[in-house]
């Protein structure tokens, strides 16, 4: 399986990284990036590990920490990462 990141997801990673640098520390940035890498490794081996959405069954939500979740879908042999939610920034979600 391969992973494909949408432009929105890439932009969200950059936005979260910037937020963490401004509000927290470089250690928090490194922890976030490590969690993303670990998520990639797990989801490539077990694409259906995370639950499918009841409203949108083609999408899955992986909670990678209490602060971030990844929304992705499986398209044949490609895992498409659509967006990342940072719950510290998205208080209304």
N, C-alpha and C. Protein backbone atom coordinates (compact mmCIF):
# COMPACT_ATOMS: atom_id res chain seq x y z
N UNK A 1 0.84 -1.18 0.00
CA UNK A 1 0.00 0.00 0.00
C UNK A 1 0.88 1.25 0.00
N UNK A 2 0.35 2.27 -0.64
CA UNK A 2 1.03 3.56 -0.67
C UNK A 2 0.17 4.59 0.06
N UNK A 3 0.80 5.67 0.48
CA UNK A 3 0.08 6.76 1.13
C UNK A 3 0.16 7.98 0.23
N UNK A 4 -0.99 8.61 0.05
CA UNK A 4 -1.08 9.84 -0.73
C UNK A 4 -1.68 10.93 0.16
N UNK A 5 -0.95 12.03 0.28
CA UNK A 5 -1.39 13.15 1.11
C UNK A 5 -2.05 14.21 0.23
N UNK A 6 -3.24 14.63 0.60
CA UNK A 6 -3.89 15.72 -0.13
C UNK A 6 -3.18 17.02 0.19
N UNK A 7 -3.38 18.00 -0.65
CA UNK A 7 -2.81 19.33 -0.40
C UNK A 7 -3.33 19.88 0.92
N UNK A 8 -4.61 19.68 1.20
CA UNK A 8 -5.18 20.14 2.47
C UNK A 8 -4.47 19.50 3.66
N UNK A 9 -4.22 18.20 3.60
CA UNK A 9 -3.55 17.51 4.70
C UNK A 9 -2.13 18.04 4.89
N UNK A 10 -1.41 18.26 3.80
CA UNK A 10 -0.05 18.81 3.89
C UNK A 10 -0.09 20.20 4.51
N UNK A 11 -1.06 21.01 4.08
CA UNK A 11 -1.19 22.35 4.65
C UNK A 11 -1.54 22.30 6.13
N UNK A 12 -2.37 21.33 6.53
CA UNK A 12 -2.73 21.18 7.95
C UNK A 12 -1.51 20.80 8.78
N UNK A 13 -0.67 19.92 8.25
CA UNK A 13 0.56 19.55 8.98
C UNK A 13 1.40 20.80 9.21
N UNK A 14 1.56 21.61 8.18
CA UNK A 14 2.34 22.85 8.32
C UNK A 14 1.69 23.81 9.31
N UNK A 15 0.38 23.92 9.27
CA UNK A 15 -0.35 24.79 10.19
C UNK A 15 -0.20 24.32 11.64
N UNK A 16 -0.33 23.02 11.85
CA UNK A 16 -0.16 22.47 13.20
C UNK A 16 1.26 22.66 13.68
N UNK A 17 2.21 22.41 12.80
CA UNK A 17 3.63 22.60 13.14
C UNK A 17 3.88 24.05 13.57
N UNK A 18 3.36 24.99 12.80
CA UNK A 18 3.53 26.41 13.13
C UNK A 18 2.88 26.74 14.47
N UNK A 19 1.67 26.25 14.67
CA UNK A 19 0.96 26.46 15.93
C UNK A 19 1.75 25.92 17.12
N UNK A 20 2.26 24.70 16.98
CA UNK A 20 3.02 24.08 18.07
C UNK A 20 4.29 24.87 18.39
N UNK A 21 4.96 25.37 17.36
CA UNK A 21 6.17 26.17 17.58
C UNK A 21 5.84 27.48 18.29
N UNK A 22 4.71 28.09 17.93
CA UNK A 22 4.34 29.37 18.53
C UNK A 22 3.82 29.22 19.95
N UNK A 23 3.05 28.16 20.19
CA UNK A 23 2.38 28.01 21.48
C UNK A 23 3.05 27.03 22.43
N UNK A 24 3.86 26.12 21.92
CA UNK A 24 4.43 25.08 22.75
C UNK A 24 5.95 25.04 22.58
N UNK A 25 6.47 24.01 21.92
CA UNK A 25 7.94 23.90 21.82
C UNK A 25 8.32 23.00 20.64
N UNK A 26 9.60 22.99 20.35
CA UNK A 26 10.15 22.12 19.30
C UNK A 26 9.91 20.65 19.66
N UNK A 27 9.96 20.34 20.95
CA UNK A 27 9.70 18.96 21.38
C UNK A 27 8.29 18.52 21.00
N UNK A 28 7.32 19.42 21.14
CA UNK A 28 5.94 19.10 20.75
C UNK A 28 5.84 18.87 19.25
N UNK A 29 6.56 19.66 18.47
CA UNK A 29 6.58 19.48 17.01
C UNK A 29 7.15 18.10 16.69
N UNK A 30 8.26 17.76 17.29
CA UNK A 30 8.89 16.46 17.03
C UNK A 30 7.98 15.31 17.44
N UNK A 31 7.29 15.46 18.55
CA UNK A 31 6.36 14.43 19.02
C UNK A 31 5.21 14.26 18.02
N UNK A 32 4.67 15.36 17.54
CA UNK A 32 3.59 15.33 16.56
C UNK A 32 4.05 14.63 15.28
N UNK A 33 5.22 15.00 14.77
CA UNK A 33 5.73 14.39 13.54
C UNK A 33 6.02 12.91 13.71
N UNK A 34 6.49 12.53 14.89
CA UNK A 34 6.75 11.11 15.17
C UNK A 34 5.43 10.33 15.20
N UNK A 35 4.41 10.92 15.78
CA UNK A 35 3.10 10.26 15.81
C UNK A 35 2.55 10.08 14.39
N UNK A 36 2.76 11.07 13.54
CA UNK A 36 2.33 10.94 12.14
C UNK A 36 3.08 9.80 11.45
N UNK A 37 4.38 9.72 11.67
CA UNK A 37 5.17 8.65 11.05
C UNK A 37 4.71 7.29 11.55
N UNK A 38 4.45 7.18 12.84
CA UNK A 38 3.97 5.91 13.41
C UNK A 38 2.59 5.55 12.85
N UNK A 39 1.74 6.55 12.69
CA UNK A 39 0.43 6.31 12.07
C UNK A 39 0.61 5.75 10.66
N UNK A 40 1.49 6.37 9.87
CA UNK A 40 1.72 5.89 8.50
C UNK A 40 2.15 4.43 8.50
N UNK A 41 3.07 4.06 9.37
CA UNK A 41 3.55 2.68 9.43
C UNK A 41 2.41 1.72 9.78
N UNK A 42 1.59 2.10 10.76
CA UNK A 42 0.48 1.22 11.17
C UNK A 42 -0.58 1.10 10.07
N UNK A 43 -0.95 2.21 9.47
CA UNK A 43 -2.05 2.19 8.51
C UNK A 43 -1.65 1.49 7.21
N UNK A 44 -0.39 1.51 6.86
CA UNK A 44 0.07 0.77 5.67
C UNK A 44 -0.07 -0.73 5.91
N UNK A 45 0.25 -1.17 7.12
CA UNK A 45 0.14 -2.60 7.44
C UNK A 45 -1.31 -3.03 7.68
N UNK A 46 -2.11 -2.13 8.28
CA UNK A 46 -3.49 -2.45 8.66
C UNK A 46 -4.41 -1.30 8.26
N UNK A 47 -4.74 -1.18 6.99
CA UNK A 47 -5.52 -0.03 6.52
C UNK A 47 -6.88 0.15 7.19
N UNK A 48 -7.48 -0.95 7.62
CA UNK A 48 -8.81 -0.87 8.24
C UNK A 48 -8.75 -0.89 9.76
N UNK A 49 -7.60 -0.59 10.30
CA UNK A 49 -7.42 -0.59 11.75
C UNK A 49 -8.33 0.41 12.44
N UNK A 50 -8.53 1.56 11.83
CA UNK A 50 -9.30 2.63 12.45
C UNK A 50 -10.75 2.58 11.95
N UNK A 51 -11.69 3.02 12.80
CA UNK A 51 -13.11 2.87 12.45
C UNK A 51 -13.56 3.74 11.29
N UNK A 52 -14.49 3.18 10.53
CA UNK A 52 -15.11 3.93 9.44
C UNK A 52 -16.17 4.86 10.02
N UNK A 53 -16.38 5.97 9.35
CA UNK A 53 -17.39 6.92 9.74
C UNK A 53 -18.78 6.33 9.49
N UNK A 54 -19.70 6.56 10.40
CA UNK A 54 -21.07 6.11 10.19
C UNK A 54 -21.76 6.95 9.11
N UNK A 55 -21.45 8.23 9.10
CA UNK A 55 -22.06 9.14 8.13
C UNK A 55 -21.42 9.02 6.74
N UNK A 56 -20.10 8.83 6.72
CA UNK A 56 -19.35 8.71 5.46
C UNK A 56 -18.51 7.43 5.53
N UNK A 57 -19.10 6.29 5.21
CA UNK A 57 -18.41 4.99 5.39
C UNK A 57 -17.10 4.84 4.63
N UNK A 58 -16.87 5.65 3.61
CA UNK A 58 -15.61 5.53 2.86
C UNK A 58 -14.47 6.24 3.58
N UNK A 59 -14.77 6.97 4.64
CA UNK A 59 -13.74 7.68 5.40
C UNK A 59 -13.52 7.02 6.75
N UNK A 60 -12.29 7.13 7.21
CA UNK A 60 -11.90 6.59 8.52
C UNK A 60 -11.22 7.68 9.33
N UNK A 61 -11.37 7.58 10.65
CA UNK A 61 -10.77 8.56 11.54
C UNK A 61 -9.80 7.85 12.48
N UNK A 62 -8.54 8.26 12.39
CA UNK A 62 -7.50 7.71 13.26
C UNK A 62 -7.14 8.77 14.30
N UNK A 63 -7.38 8.47 15.55
CA UNK A 63 -6.97 9.36 16.62
C UNK A 63 -5.51 9.03 16.91
N UNK A 64 -4.62 9.96 16.58
CA UNK A 64 -3.19 9.69 16.77
C UNK A 64 -2.69 10.22 18.11
N UNK A 65 -3.45 11.13 18.70
CA UNK A 65 -3.17 11.60 20.06
C UNK A 65 -4.45 12.25 20.56
N UNK A 66 -4.45 12.67 21.81
CA UNK A 66 -5.65 13.33 22.31
C UNK A 66 -5.85 14.69 21.64
N UNK A 67 -4.84 15.15 20.91
CA UNK A 67 -4.92 16.46 20.27
C UNK A 67 -5.13 16.41 18.76
N UNK A 68 -4.79 15.29 18.11
CA UNK A 68 -4.87 15.22 16.66
C UNK A 68 -5.54 13.94 16.17
N UNK A 69 -6.27 14.10 15.06
CA UNK A 69 -6.88 12.96 14.37
C UNK A 69 -6.62 13.11 12.87
N UNK A 70 -6.52 11.98 12.22
CA UNK A 70 -6.29 11.95 10.77
C UNK A 70 -7.54 11.37 10.10
N UNK A 71 -8.02 12.04 9.07
CA UNK A 71 -9.14 11.55 8.28
C UNK A 71 -8.57 11.00 6.97
N UNK A 72 -8.87 9.73 6.69
CA UNK A 72 -8.31 9.10 5.50
C UNK A 72 -9.32 8.14 4.88
N UNK A 73 -9.02 7.74 3.66
CA UNK A 73 -9.82 6.75 2.95
C UNK A 73 -8.91 5.76 2.26
N UNK A 74 -9.49 4.62 1.90
CA UNK A 74 -8.74 3.57 1.22
C UNK A 74 -9.28 3.45 -0.20
N UNK A 75 -8.39 3.61 -1.16
CA UNK A 75 -8.76 3.56 -2.58
C UNK A 75 -7.86 2.53 -3.25
N UNK A 76 -8.35 1.31 -3.35
CA UNK A 76 -7.59 0.18 -3.87
C UNK A 76 -6.31 -0.01 -3.08
N UNK A 77 -5.18 0.29 -3.66
CA UNK A 77 -3.88 0.11 -3.00
C UNK A 77 -3.30 1.43 -2.48
N UNK A 78 -4.15 2.45 -2.39
CA UNK A 78 -3.68 3.76 -1.94
C UNK A 78 -4.47 4.21 -0.72
N UNK A 79 -3.76 4.63 0.29
CA UNK A 79 -4.39 5.25 1.46
C UNK A 79 -4.31 6.75 1.23
N UNK A 80 -5.46 7.38 1.12
CA UNK A 80 -5.52 8.81 0.85
C UNK A 80 -5.81 9.56 2.15
N UNK A 81 -4.85 10.37 2.55
CA UNK A 81 -5.02 11.19 3.74
C UNK A 81 -5.62 12.51 3.30
N UNK A 82 -6.83 12.77 3.80
CA UNK A 82 -7.58 13.96 3.37
C UNK A 82 -7.32 15.18 4.24
N UNK A 83 -7.27 14.99 5.55
CA UNK A 83 -7.05 16.13 6.44
C UNK A 83 -6.59 15.65 7.80
N UNK A 84 -6.11 16.59 8.58
CA UNK A 84 -5.72 16.34 9.96
C UNK A 84 -6.44 17.37 10.81
N UNK A 85 -7.01 16.91 11.90
CA UNK A 85 -7.69 17.81 12.83
C UNK A 85 -6.82 18.01 14.05
N UNK A 86 -6.64 19.24 14.45
CA UNK A 86 -5.95 19.54 15.71
C UNK A 86 -7.01 20.06 16.65
N UNK A 87 -7.36 19.27 17.64
CA UNK A 87 -8.46 19.59 18.53
C UNK A 87 -8.18 20.79 19.42
N UNK A 88 -6.92 21.16 19.57
CA UNK A 88 -6.60 22.37 20.33
C UNK A 88 -6.97 23.62 19.54
N UNK A 89 -6.85 23.54 18.22
CA UNK A 89 -7.17 24.68 17.37
C UNK A 89 -8.64 24.68 16.96
N UNK A 90 -9.23 23.50 16.86
CA UNK A 90 -10.61 23.35 16.39
C UNK A 90 -11.54 23.11 17.57
N UNK A 91 -11.71 24.09 18.39
CA UNK A 91 -12.50 23.93 19.61
C UNK A 91 -13.98 23.65 19.32
N UNK A 92 -14.48 24.02 18.15
CA UNK A 92 -15.89 23.83 17.84
C UNK A 92 -16.20 22.45 17.28
N UNK A 93 -15.21 21.63 16.99
CA UNK A 93 -15.46 20.31 16.40
C UNK A 93 -15.91 19.31 17.43
